[in-house]
Amino acid sequence: MKGKLVFPNILGLAAGVVMAVAARTPWWIITKEDTMEDSLVYPNIVRGPITEAIGYRSTEQMKYLTAALVVGIVLCLLGSFLSRWKGRLALLIAGTLGGLIIWRFVVRIADMASRFDMPLSGRGAVYYSGFEQMGVTNRFGQGLYLMGAASGLAVFAALLHGWLRRPK
C-alpha cells in the first residue's frame, strides 16, 4: 500500500468527536421544582445549587472518569489513522472504555441519589438539605446518551476498520 492514498476511518473520527462533545454536555440533570433551577452533573464537575447541599463540586472518581474519557477520545482519533489490527484494537478499546465510563457514572449517580432518597430519573422525590425539603426532578442528560452513541460508533468503526481504510 506504499504510495497509495489511504483515508482515515471516518467513523472512528466521528466517534472521537462525539465523545469530546459528550464530555462538554451534562450527563445528569437535577431540577429543583420550587425554583426550577437546574444542577448539572458532568463527568468532571457538578454545577448548580445542589453543590451546597452535597458539599462538593468534584471528587477523585470524577478526575479518573475524565482521564478515562480523554484516553477514549485519543484512542478513537489515533485508531482512525492506524492500519489493520492496531487501529481496530485502539477503536475497540475506546468503545469498551466508553461503555465502562457510562456504567461507572451511572453506578456513582445511583449511589448518590440513594443517599438523598432521589430517583435516578423521575419526579416527586424529596431532597433533604439541613432543615429544608424540596421536590426535585432528575433525568439523564444528553451527554450520557452521546457517550453511549460514541461508544457504539467506536465499536462499529473497529468492526469495519479494514473496509473503511481501503486505498482510494
Protein backbone atom coordinates (compact mmCIF):
# COMPACT_ATOMS: atom_id res chain seq x y z
CA MET A 1 0.00 0.00 0.00
CA LYS A 2 3.00 2.28 -0.14
CA GLY A 3 2.42 5.28 -2.33
CA LYS A 4 -1.35 4.92 -2.28
CA LEU A 5 -3.58 7.39 -0.54
CA VAL A 6 -5.34 5.77 2.42
CA PHE A 7 -8.17 7.61 4.09
CA PRO A 8 -8.68 7.55 7.85
CA ASN A 9 -11.57 5.67 9.39
CA ILE A 10 -14.23 8.38 9.28
CA LEU A 11 -16.50 6.52 11.75
CA GLY A 12 -13.64 6.39 14.27
CA LEU A 13 -13.03 10.11 13.86
CA ALA A 14 -16.75 10.77 14.33
CA ALA A 15 -16.75 8.63 17.49
CA GLY A 16 -13.89 10.68 18.93
CA VAL A 17 -15.64 13.95 18.13
CA VAL A 18 -18.93 12.75 19.65
CA MET A 19 -17.05 11.65 22.79
CA ALA A 20 -15.50 15.11 23.06
CA VAL A 21 -18.92 16.76 22.69
CA ALA A 22 -20.35 14.35 25.28
CA ALA A 23 -17.68 15.42 27.77
CA ARG A 24 -18.89 19.03 27.46
CA THR A 25 -22.63 18.37 27.89
CA PRO A 26 -24.42 17.39 31.13
CA TRP A 27 -24.83 13.69 31.91
CA TRP A 28 -27.40 14.06 34.70
CA ILE A 29 -29.72 16.97 35.48
CA ILE A 30 -31.38 17.71 38.82
CA THR A 31 -34.13 20.35 38.80
CA LYS A 32 -35.44 21.94 41.99
CA GLU A 33 -39.20 22.12 41.48
CA ASP A 34 -39.82 25.24 43.59
CA THR A 35 -37.32 27.46 41.75
CA MET A 36 -36.89 25.40 38.57
CA GLU A 37 -33.11 25.77 38.93
CA ASP A 38 -31.04 23.10 37.23
CA SER A 39 -27.96 21.47 38.71
CA LEU A 40 -25.85 19.88 36.01
CA VAL A 41 -23.62 16.86 36.62
CA TYR A 42 -20.78 16.44 34.13
CA PRO A 43 -18.16 13.68 34.18
CA ASN A 44 -15.70 16.12 35.78
CA ILE A 45 -17.77 18.59 37.84
CA VAL A 46 -21.13 19.32 39.45
CA ARG A 47 -22.59 22.77 38.78
CA GLY A 48 -25.59 24.48 40.30
CA PRO A 49 -27.34 24.88 43.65
CA ILE A 50 -27.05 21.19 44.53
CA THR A 51 -23.33 21.64 45.27
CA GLU A 52 -24.15 23.45 48.52
CA ALA A 53 -26.30 20.54 49.70
CA ILE A 54 -23.90 17.71 48.79
CA GLY A 55 -20.79 19.64 49.85
CA TYR A 56 -18.57 19.22 46.79
CA ARG A 57 -18.16 20.14 43.15
CA SER A 58 -15.74 17.41 42.14
CA THR A 59 -14.43 14.09 43.50
CA GLU A 60 -11.42 11.89 42.93
CA GLN A 61 -13.60 9.48 40.96
CA MET A 62 -14.62 12.34 38.64
CA LYS A 63 -10.94 13.00 37.93
CA TYR A 64 -10.40 9.36 36.98
CA LEU A 65 -13.56 9.38 34.86
CA THR A 66 -12.34 12.47 33.00
CA ALA A 67 -8.90 10.93 32.44
CA ALA A 68 -10.53 7.77 31.04
CA LEU A 69 -12.71 9.93 28.78
CA VAL A 70 -9.65 11.73 27.41
CA VAL A 71 -7.92 8.38 26.81
CA GLY A 72 -11.03 7.17 24.94
CA ILE A 73 -11.07 10.26 22.73
CA VAL A 74 -7.35 9.93 21.94
CA LEU A 75 -7.73 6.20 21.16
CA CYS A 76 -10.61 6.95 18.76
CA LEU A 77 -8.62 9.59 16.92
CA LEU A 78 -5.41 7.56 16.90
CA GLY A 79 -7.16 4.33 15.90
CA SER A 80 -8.73 6.07 12.93
CA PHE A 81 -5.30 6.64 11.40
CA LEU A 82 -3.57 3.38 12.41
CA SER A 83 -3.72 0.48 10.00
CA ARG A 84 -5.01 -3.05 10.38
CA TRP A 85 -5.18 -4.64 13.81
CA LYS A 86 -3.58 -1.69 15.65
CA GLY A 87 -6.31 0.69 14.55
CA ARG A 88 -9.01 -1.90 15.11
CA LEU A 89 -7.74 -2.62 18.62
CA ALA A 90 -7.49 1.06 19.54
CA LEU A 91 -11.08 1.68 18.41
CA LEU A 92 -12.36 -1.42 20.18
CA ILE A 93 -10.64 -0.40 23.42
CA ALA A 94 -12.07 3.13 23.08
CA GLY A 95 -15.60 1.77 22.63
CA THR A 96 -15.25 -0.63 25.54
CA LEU A 97 -13.76 2.08 27.73
CA GLY A 98 -16.70 4.33 26.84
CA GLY A 99 -19.13 1.66 27.97
CA LEU A 100 -17.24 1.23 31.24
CA ILE A 101 -17.28 5.00 31.80
CA ILE A 102 -21.06 5.09 31.36
CA TRP A 103 -21.52 2.12 33.70
CA ARG A 104 -19.31 3.65 36.41
CA PHE A 105 -21.01 7.04 36.10
CA VAL A 106 -24.48 5.54 36.48
CA VAL A 107 -23.37 3.44 39.47
CA ARG A 108 -21.94 6.56 41.14
CA ILE A 109 -25.06 8.62 40.44
CA ALA A 110 -27.30 5.82 41.73
CA ASP A 111 -25.29 5.72 44.95
CA MET A 112 -25.52 9.49 45.39
CA ALA A 113 -29.24 9.54 44.60
CA SER A 114 -29.99 6.74 47.06
CA ARG A 115 -28.32 8.71 49.86
CA PHE A 116 -30.78 11.55 49.35
CA ASP A 117 -33.85 9.45 48.50
CA MET A 118 -33.90 10.63 44.89
CA PRO A 119 -34.68 8.50 41.83
CA LEU A 120 -32.17 8.27 39.00
CA SER A 121 -34.77 9.54 36.61
CA GLY A 122 -38.13 10.77 37.72
CA ARG A 123 -40.17 13.26 39.67
CA GLY A 124 -41.50 13.81 43.14
CA ALA A 125 -38.53 12.82 45.27
CA VAL A 126 -37.94 14.86 48.39
CA TYR A 127 -34.42 16.07 48.88
CA TYR A 128 -33.35 16.83 52.45
CA SER A 129 -30.84 19.61 52.96
CA GLY A 130 -30.50 20.60 56.59
CA PHE A 131 -33.98 21.72 57.58
CA GLU A 132 -35.10 22.40 54.03
CA GLN A 133 -37.18 19.98 52.00
CA MET A 134 -37.53 20.37 48.28
CA GLY A 135 -39.04 18.43 45.44
CA VAL A 136 -36.72 17.52 42.60
CA THR A 137 -36.96 16.11 39.13
CA ASN A 138 -34.00 14.12 37.83
CA ARG A 139 -33.19 12.98 34.34
CA PHE A 140 -30.25 11.74 32.34
CA GLY A 141 -28.64 14.44 30.22
CA GLN A 142 -27.67 14.49 26.57
CA GLY A 143 -24.02 13.80 27.38
CA LEU A 144 -24.76 10.31 28.66
CA TYR A 145 -26.68 9.44 25.50
CA LEU A 146 -23.97 10.96 23.30
CA MET A 147 -21.34 8.91 25.11
CA GLY A 148 -23.37 5.75 24.51
CA ALA A 149 -23.66 6.59 20.82
CA ALA A 150 -19.92 7.37 20.60
CA SER A 151 -19.01 4.08 22.29
CA GLY A 152 -21.21 2.11 19.92
CA LEU A 153 -19.85 4.03 16.95
CA ALA A 154 -16.25 3.26 18.03
CA VAL A 155 -17.00 -0.48 18.21
CA PHE A 156 -18.77 -0.32 14.83
CA ALA A 157 -15.79 1.56 13.38
CA ALA A 158 -13.48 -1.16 14.72
CA LEU A 159 -15.54 -3.86 13.03
CA LEU A 160 -15.48 -2.03 9.68
CA HIS A 161 -11.93 -0.68 10.04
CA GLY A 162 -10.35 -2.66 7.21
CA TRP A 163 -13.09 -1.76 4.76
CA LEU A 164 -13.19 1.95 5.74
CA ARG A 165 -9.41 2.41 5.37
CA ARG A 166 -9.06 0.91 1.88
CA PRO A 167 -6.86 2.84 -0.51
CA LYS A 168 -8.78 5.15 -2.79
